[in-house]
N, C-alpha and C. Protein backbone atom coordinates (compact mmCIF):
# COMPACT_ATOMS: atom_id res chain seq x y z
N UNK A 1 0.82 -1.19 0.00
CA UNK A 1 0.00 0.00 0.00
C UNK A 1 0.87 1.26 0.00
N UNK A 2 1.98 1.25 0.75
CA UNK A 2 2.81 2.45 0.82
C UNK A 2 3.56 2.69 -0.49
N UNK A 3 3.75 1.65 -1.29
CA UNK A 3 4.45 1.83 -2.56
C UNK A 3 3.61 2.65 -3.53
N UNK A 4 2.29 2.70 -3.34
CA UNK A 4 1.44 3.51 -4.21
C UNK A 4 1.76 4.99 -4.07
N UNK A 5 2.18 5.41 -2.89
CA UNK A 5 2.49 6.82 -2.65
C UNK A 5 3.72 7.27 -3.43
N UNK A 6 4.55 6.33 -3.86
CA UNK A 6 5.79 6.69 -4.55
C UNK A 6 5.61 6.84 -6.05
N UNK A 7 4.49 6.43 -6.60
CA UNK A 7 4.26 6.52 -8.04
C UNK A 7 3.52 7.80 -8.39
N UNK A 8 3.97 8.44 -9.46
CA UNK A 8 3.33 9.70 -9.86
C UNK A 8 1.92 9.48 -10.37
N UNK A 9 1.63 8.29 -10.90
CA UNK A 9 0.27 8.02 -11.37
C UNK A 9 -0.74 8.12 -10.23
N UNK A 10 -0.32 7.71 -9.04
CA UNK A 10 -1.23 7.76 -7.89
C UNK A 10 -1.66 9.19 -7.60
N UNK A 11 -0.74 10.13 -7.72
CA UNK A 11 -1.01 11.50 -7.34
C UNK A 11 -1.71 12.29 -8.43
N UNK A 12 -1.48 11.97 -9.71
CA UNK A 12 -1.93 12.85 -10.78
C UNK A 12 -3.08 12.32 -11.64
N UNK A 13 -3.45 11.05 -11.53
CA UNK A 13 -4.57 10.57 -12.32
C UNK A 13 -5.88 10.86 -11.58
N UNK A 14 -6.95 10.84 -12.32
CA UNK A 14 -8.27 11.04 -11.71
C UNK A 14 -8.61 9.78 -10.91
N UNK A 15 -8.80 9.92 -9.59
CA UNK A 15 -9.09 8.73 -8.78
C UNK A 15 -10.50 8.22 -9.04
N UNK A 16 -10.71 6.98 -8.70
CA UNK A 16 -12.05 6.42 -8.87
C UNK A 16 -13.01 7.08 -7.89
N UNK A 17 -14.27 6.84 -8.12
CA UNK A 17 -15.27 7.47 -7.24
C UNK A 17 -15.33 6.80 -5.87
N UNK A 18 -14.75 5.63 -5.74
CA UNK A 18 -14.72 4.95 -4.46
C UNK A 18 -13.46 5.32 -3.70
N UNK A 19 -13.58 5.45 -2.40
CA UNK A 19 -12.40 5.76 -1.58
C UNK A 19 -11.52 4.52 -1.47
N UNK A 20 -10.25 4.71 -1.69
CA UNK A 20 -9.31 3.60 -1.56
C UNK A 20 -8.67 3.65 -0.18
N UNK A 21 -7.94 2.62 0.15
CA UNK A 21 -7.29 2.58 1.46
C UNK A 21 -6.22 3.67 1.62
N UNK A 22 -5.46 4.05 0.57
CA UNK A 22 -4.55 5.20 0.75
C UNK A 22 -5.28 6.50 1.03
N UNK A 23 -6.48 6.67 0.47
CA UNK A 23 -7.26 7.88 0.77
C UNK A 23 -7.64 7.90 2.25
N UNK A 24 -8.05 6.75 2.75
CA UNK A 24 -8.40 6.67 4.18
C UNK A 24 -7.17 6.88 5.05
N UNK A 25 -6.03 6.35 4.61
CA UNK A 25 -4.79 6.55 5.36
C UNK A 25 -4.43 8.03 5.43
N UNK A 26 -4.58 8.74 4.31
CA UNK A 26 -4.31 10.18 4.32
C UNK A 26 -5.27 10.91 5.25
N UNK A 27 -6.52 10.47 5.28
CA UNK A 27 -7.49 11.07 6.21
C UNK A 27 -7.04 10.88 7.65
N UNK A 28 -6.60 9.66 8.00
CA UNK A 28 -6.14 9.41 9.37
C UNK A 28 -4.90 10.23 9.71
N UNK A 29 -4.02 10.42 8.73
CA UNK A 29 -2.83 11.25 8.96
C UNK A 29 -3.26 12.69 9.24
N UNK A 30 -4.19 13.21 8.47
CA UNK A 30 -4.63 14.59 8.67
C UNK A 30 -5.38 14.76 10.00
N UNK A 31 -6.17 13.77 10.38
CA UNK A 31 -6.84 13.83 11.68
C UNK A 31 -5.80 13.79 12.80
N UNK A 32 -4.78 12.95 12.63
CA UNK A 32 -3.70 12.89 13.62
C UNK A 32 -2.96 14.21 13.75
N UNK A 33 -2.71 14.87 12.62
CA UNK A 33 -2.05 16.18 12.66
C UNK A 33 -2.91 17.21 13.39
N UNK A 34 -4.21 17.15 13.17
CA UNK A 34 -5.12 18.07 13.87
C UNK A 34 -5.10 17.81 15.37
N UNK A 35 -5.07 16.56 15.77
CA UNK A 35 -5.02 16.22 17.19
C UNK A 35 -3.71 16.69 17.80
N UNK A 36 -2.60 16.52 17.08
CA UNK A 36 -1.32 17.01 17.58
C UNK A 36 -1.36 18.53 17.74
N UNK A 37 -2.01 19.22 16.81
CA UNK A 37 -2.16 20.67 16.92
C UNK A 37 -2.95 21.07 18.15
N UNK A 38 -4.01 20.35 18.45
CA UNK A 38 -4.82 20.65 19.64
C UNK A 38 -4.01 20.38 20.91
N UNK A 39 -3.23 19.30 20.92
CA UNK A 39 -2.38 19.01 22.07
C UNK A 39 -1.33 20.11 22.25
N UNK A 40 -0.77 20.60 21.14
CA UNK A 40 0.20 21.70 21.23
C UNK A 40 -0.44 22.96 21.79
N UNK A 41 -1.71 23.20 21.47
CA UNK A 41 -2.41 24.37 22.02
C UNK A 41 -2.61 24.21 23.52
N UNK A 42 -2.92 23.01 23.97
CA UNK A 42 -3.09 22.76 25.41
C UNK A 42 -1.76 22.92 26.13
N UNK A 43 -0.70 22.40 25.55
CA UNK A 43 0.64 22.54 26.15
C UNK A 43 1.03 24.00 26.22
N UNK A 44 0.71 24.76 25.17
CA UNK A 44 1.05 26.19 25.12
C UNK A 44 0.40 26.95 26.27
N UNK A 45 -0.81 26.57 26.65
CA UNK A 45 -1.51 27.26 27.74
C UNK A 45 -0.83 27.05 29.09
N UNK A 46 -0.14 25.93 29.26
CA UNK A 46 0.49 25.62 30.54
C UNK A 46 1.94 26.09 30.63
N UNK A 47 2.52 26.56 29.55
CA UNK A 47 3.91 27.01 29.57
C UNK A 47 3.98 28.44 30.13
N UNK A 48 4.86 28.64 31.09
CA UNK A 48 5.06 29.97 31.66
C UNK A 48 6.10 30.77 30.90
N UNK A 49 7.04 30.07 30.31
CA UNK A 49 8.10 30.73 29.56
C UNK A 49 7.54 31.16 28.21
N UNK A 50 7.63 32.45 27.90
CA UNK A 50 7.01 32.95 26.67
C UNK A 50 7.75 32.49 25.41
N UNK A 51 9.03 32.18 25.51
CA UNK A 51 9.77 31.69 24.35
C UNK A 51 9.36 30.26 24.03
N UNK A 52 9.21 29.43 25.05
CA UNK A 52 8.74 28.06 24.82
C UNK A 52 7.29 28.06 24.34
N UNK A 53 6.49 28.99 24.83
CA UNK A 53 5.11 29.12 24.37
C UNK A 53 5.06 29.57 22.91
N UNK A 54 6.03 30.38 22.52
CA UNK A 54 6.11 30.83 21.13
C UNK A 54 6.40 29.64 20.21
N UNK A 55 7.30 28.75 20.64
CA UNK A 55 7.60 27.56 19.86
C UNK A 55 6.39 26.62 19.79
N UNK A 56 5.72 26.44 20.92
CA UNK A 56 4.52 25.59 20.94
C UNK A 56 3.43 26.20 20.05
N UNK A 57 3.34 27.51 20.02
CA UNK A 57 2.36 28.18 19.18
C UNK A 57 2.64 27.94 17.70
N UNK A 58 3.91 27.95 17.35
CA UNK A 58 4.27 27.69 15.95
C UNK A 58 3.88 26.27 15.55
N UNK A 59 4.15 25.30 16.44
CA UNK A 59 3.75 23.93 16.14
C UNK A 59 2.23 23.78 16.11
N UNK A 60 1.53 24.49 16.99
CA UNK A 60 0.07 24.47 16.99
C UNK A 60 -0.48 24.93 15.65
N UNK A 61 0.00 26.06 15.17
CA UNK A 61 -0.49 26.60 13.90
C UNK A 61 -0.16 25.68 12.73
N UNK A 62 1.04 25.12 12.73
CA UNK A 62 1.44 24.21 11.65
C UNK A 62 0.54 22.98 11.60
N UNK A 63 0.44 22.28 12.71
CA UNK A 63 -0.28 21.01 12.70
C UNK A 63 -1.78 21.20 12.53
N UNK A 64 -2.35 22.19 13.17
CA UNK A 64 -3.79 22.39 13.05
C UNK A 64 -4.17 22.85 11.64
N UNK A 65 -3.41 23.76 11.06
CA UNK A 65 -3.70 24.23 9.71
C UNK A 65 -3.55 23.11 8.69
N UNK A 66 -2.45 22.38 8.77
CA UNK A 66 -2.22 21.28 7.84
C UNK A 66 -3.29 20.21 8.00
N UNK A 67 -3.62 19.87 9.23
CA UNK A 67 -4.63 18.85 9.47
C UNK A 67 -6.00 19.27 8.99
N UNK A 68 -6.40 20.50 9.27
CA UNK A 68 -7.73 20.95 8.84
C UNK A 68 -7.84 21.08 7.32
N UNK A 69 -6.78 21.56 6.68
CA UNK A 69 -6.79 21.62 5.22
C UNK A 69 -6.88 20.22 4.62
N UNK A 70 -6.19 19.26 5.24
CA UNK A 70 -6.27 17.89 4.77
C UNK A 70 -7.64 17.28 4.97
N UNK A 71 -8.29 17.60 6.07
CA UNK A 71 -9.65 17.10 6.30
C UNK A 71 -10.62 17.73 5.31
N UNK A 72 -10.42 19.00 4.99
CA UNK A 72 -11.25 19.64 3.97
C UNK A 72 -11.04 18.97 2.61
N UNK A 73 -9.77 18.66 2.29
CA UNK A 73 -9.49 17.93 1.05
C UNK A 73 -10.21 16.59 1.04
N UNK A 74 -10.16 15.87 2.17
CA UNK A 74 -10.82 14.58 2.23
C UNK A 74 -12.32 14.72 2.05
N UNK A 75 -12.92 15.80 2.54
CA UNK A 75 -14.34 16.02 2.34
C UNK A 75 -14.65 16.20 0.85
N UNK A 76 -13.79 16.93 0.14
CA UNK A 76 -13.96 17.05 -1.31
C UNK A 76 -13.78 15.70 -1.99
N UNK A 77 -12.82 14.93 -1.51
CA UNK A 77 -12.57 13.60 -2.08
C UNK A 77 -13.75 12.67 -1.80
N UNK A 78 -14.29 12.75 -0.62
CA UNK A 78 -15.42 11.92 -0.24
C UNK A 78 -16.66 12.25 -1.07
N UNK A 79 -16.86 13.52 -1.34
CA UNK A 79 -18.00 13.96 -2.14
C UNK A 79 -17.74 13.82 -3.64
N UNK A 80 -16.56 13.31 -3.99
CA UNK A 80 -16.18 13.05 -5.38
C UNK A 80 -16.21 14.32 -6.22
N UNK A 81 -15.71 15.41 -5.67
CA UNK A 81 -15.58 16.66 -6.41
C UNK A 81 -14.42 16.49 -7.40
N UNK A 82 -14.67 16.80 -8.66
CA UNK A 82 -13.72 16.46 -9.71
C UNK A 82 -12.37 17.16 -9.58
N UNK A 83 -12.36 18.45 -9.37
CA UNK A 83 -11.10 19.19 -9.37
C UNK A 83 -10.48 19.22 -7.98
N UNK A 84 -11.25 19.57 -6.97
CA UNK A 84 -10.70 19.72 -5.63
C UNK A 84 -10.49 18.40 -4.91
N UNK A 85 -11.01 17.33 -5.44
CA UNK A 85 -10.84 16.02 -4.82
C UNK A 85 -9.65 15.25 -5.35
N UNK A 86 -8.88 15.85 -6.25
CA UNK A 86 -7.70 15.17 -6.78
C UNK A 86 -6.64 15.01 -5.71
N UNK A 87 -5.87 13.96 -5.84
CA UNK A 87 -4.89 13.63 -4.79
C UNK A 87 -3.71 14.58 -4.76
N UNK A 88 -3.44 15.27 -5.86
CA UNK A 88 -2.29 16.17 -5.81
C UNK A 88 -2.52 17.34 -4.87
N UNK A 89 -3.78 17.64 -4.55
CA UNK A 89 -4.05 18.67 -3.53
C UNK A 89 -3.55 18.20 -2.17
N UNK A 90 -3.75 16.93 -1.89
CA UNK A 90 -3.24 16.38 -0.63
C UNK A 90 -1.72 16.44 -0.61
N UNK A 91 -1.11 16.14 -1.76
CA UNK A 91 0.35 16.22 -1.84
C UNK A 91 0.83 17.65 -1.63
N UNK A 92 0.11 18.62 -2.18
CA UNK A 92 0.50 20.02 -1.98
C UNK A 92 0.34 20.44 -0.52
N UNK A 93 -0.71 19.96 0.14
CA UNK A 93 -0.90 20.27 1.55
C UNK A 93 0.24 19.69 2.37
N UNK A 94 0.61 18.45 2.09
CA UNK A 94 1.71 17.81 2.82
C UNK A 94 3.02 18.53 2.53
N UNK A 95 3.26 18.88 1.28
CA UNK A 95 4.48 19.59 0.91
C UNK A 95 4.56 20.96 1.59
N UNK A 96 3.45 21.69 1.61
CA UNK A 96 3.43 22.99 2.28
C UNK A 96 3.69 22.82 3.78
N UNK A 97 3.13 21.77 4.37
CA UNK A 97 3.39 21.50 5.78
C UNK A 97 4.85 21.18 6.05
N UNK A 98 5.48 20.46 5.15
CA UNK A 98 6.90 20.14 5.32
C UNK A 98 7.78 21.38 5.18
N UNK A 99 7.43 22.27 4.25
CA UNK A 99 8.19 23.53 4.11
C UNK A 99 8.02 24.37 5.37
N UNK A 100 6.79 24.45 5.87
CA UNK A 100 6.51 25.19 7.09
C UNK A 100 7.29 24.59 8.26
N UNK A 101 7.33 23.26 8.34
CA UNK A 101 8.10 22.58 9.38
C UNK A 101 9.58 22.92 9.26
N UNK A 102 10.06 23.05 8.04
CA UNK A 102 11.46 23.44 7.83
C UNK A 102 11.76 24.80 8.42
N UNK A 103 10.86 25.76 8.26
CA UNK A 103 11.07 27.08 8.83
C UNK A 103 11.03 27.04 10.37
N UNK A 104 10.16 26.19 10.91
CA UNK A 104 10.11 26.06 12.37
C UNK A 104 11.39 25.42 12.89
N UNK A 105 11.89 24.41 12.20
CA UNK A 105 13.14 23.78 12.61
C UNK A 105 14.32 24.74 12.47
N UNK A 106 14.28 25.60 11.45
CA UNK A 106 15.32 26.63 11.30
C UNK A 106 15.29 27.57 12.50
N UNK A 107 14.10 27.99 12.92
CA UNK A 107 13.97 28.83 14.11
C UNK A 107 14.49 28.09 15.33
N UNK A 108 14.16 26.81 15.44
CA UNK A 108 14.58 26.02 16.59
C UNK A 108 16.10 25.90 16.65
N UNK A 109 16.73 25.67 15.54
CA UNK A 109 18.18 25.47 15.52
C UNK A 109 18.94 26.78 15.70
N UNK A 110 18.51 27.84 15.02
CA UNK A 110 19.31 29.06 14.99
C UNK A 110 18.90 30.12 16.01
N UNK A 111 17.63 30.22 16.38
CA UNK A 111 17.19 31.33 17.22
C UNK A 111 16.65 30.93 18.58
N UNK A 112 16.04 29.79 18.68
CA UNK A 112 15.30 29.43 19.89
C UNK A 112 16.18 29.43 21.13
N UNK A 113 17.30 28.75 21.10
CA UNK A 113 18.12 28.63 22.30
C UNK A 113 18.76 29.97 22.69
N UNK A 114 19.08 30.80 21.71
CA UNK A 114 19.61 32.13 22.00
C UNK A 114 18.54 32.99 22.66
N UNK A 115 17.32 32.97 22.12
CA UNK A 115 16.23 33.74 22.72
C UNK A 115 15.88 33.22 24.12
N UNK A 116 15.94 31.92 24.29
CA UNK A 116 15.66 31.32 25.60
C UNK A 116 16.72 31.74 26.62
N UNK A 117 17.96 31.75 26.21
CA UNK A 117 19.05 32.19 27.09
C UNK A 117 18.87 33.65 27.48
N UNK A 118 18.53 34.50 26.52
CA UNK A 118 18.32 35.92 26.80
C UNK A 118 17.11 36.12 27.72
N UNK A 119 16.05 35.37 27.50
CA UNK A 119 14.86 35.48 28.33
C UNK A 119 15.18 35.09 29.78
N UNK A 120 15.90 34.00 29.96
CA UNK A 120 16.26 33.57 31.32
C UNK A 120 17.20 34.57 31.98
N UNK A 121 18.10 35.15 31.21
CA UNK A 121 19.02 36.16 31.76
C UNK A 121 18.23 37.38 32.21
N UNK A 122 17.27 37.82 31.41
CA UNK A 122 16.43 38.96 31.78
C UNK A 122 15.57 38.64 33.00
N UNK A 123 15.10 37.42 33.09
CA UNK A 123 14.27 37.03 34.24
C UNK A 123 15.09 37.08 35.53
N UNK A 124 16.33 36.60 35.47
CA UNK A 124 17.19 36.64 36.65
C UNK A 124 17.54 38.09 36.99
N UNK A 125 17.83 38.89 35.98
CA UNK A 125 18.18 40.29 36.20
C UNK A 125 17.00 41.05 36.81
N UNK A 126 15.80 40.84 36.31
CA UNK A 126 14.63 41.53 36.84
C UNK A 126 14.24 41.04 38.22
N UNK A 127 14.65 39.84 38.55
CA UNK A 127 14.32 39.30 39.88
C UNK A 127 15.04 40.09 40.98
N UNK A 128 16.26 40.53 40.69
CA UNK A 128 17.03 41.21 41.71
C UNK A 128 17.01 42.73 41.61
N UNK A 129 16.37 43.28 40.63
CA UNK A 129 16.25 44.72 40.52
C UNK A 129 15.04 45.15 41.33
N UNK A 130 15.27 46.11 42.21
CA UNK A 130 14.19 46.59 43.06
C UNK A 130 13.22 47.40 42.20
N UNK A 131 11.99 46.99 42.19
CA UNK A 131 10.98 47.69 41.40
C UNK A 131 10.14 48.59 42.27
N UNK A 132 9.28 49.34 41.67
CA UNK A 132 8.44 50.26 42.42
C UNK A 132 7.41 49.52 43.26
N UNK A 133 7.08 48.30 42.89
CA UNK A 133 6.09 47.54 43.64
C UNK A 133 6.66 46.97 44.94
N UNK A 134 7.97 46.78 44.99
CA UNK A 134 8.56 46.17 46.18
C UNK A 134 8.81 47.19 47.28
N UNK A 135 8.69 48.49 47.04
CA UNK A 135 8.97 49.52 48.04
C UNK A 135 7.80 49.79 48.90
């Protein structure tokens, strides 16, 4: 079944009116991505560090958007819509999600730890500076 995903005919030919098992698999993948997005939103609410919450927010937006767009594609596929139900739309959604993930990983590798270090340094510095509220 997974070998079908590697052939260009699978992605670019007009699919039959019946849902195949790869179509259902793509639906489950998109539902899973949506659930991961919702979990990332819940995790984001419990994070006190704003830099870590920023990273969780990026993952939330990525997974929820990709998952919901995929579910919308599956609805078009289920209703046998000729143009919007084609499988290459699912491939474009997955490809866009991977590009988006690349930008998040770039942020994680190059900026996240530096921003986290600066945030923690500022938190320690502000902890010992006497403010107007402490007088």
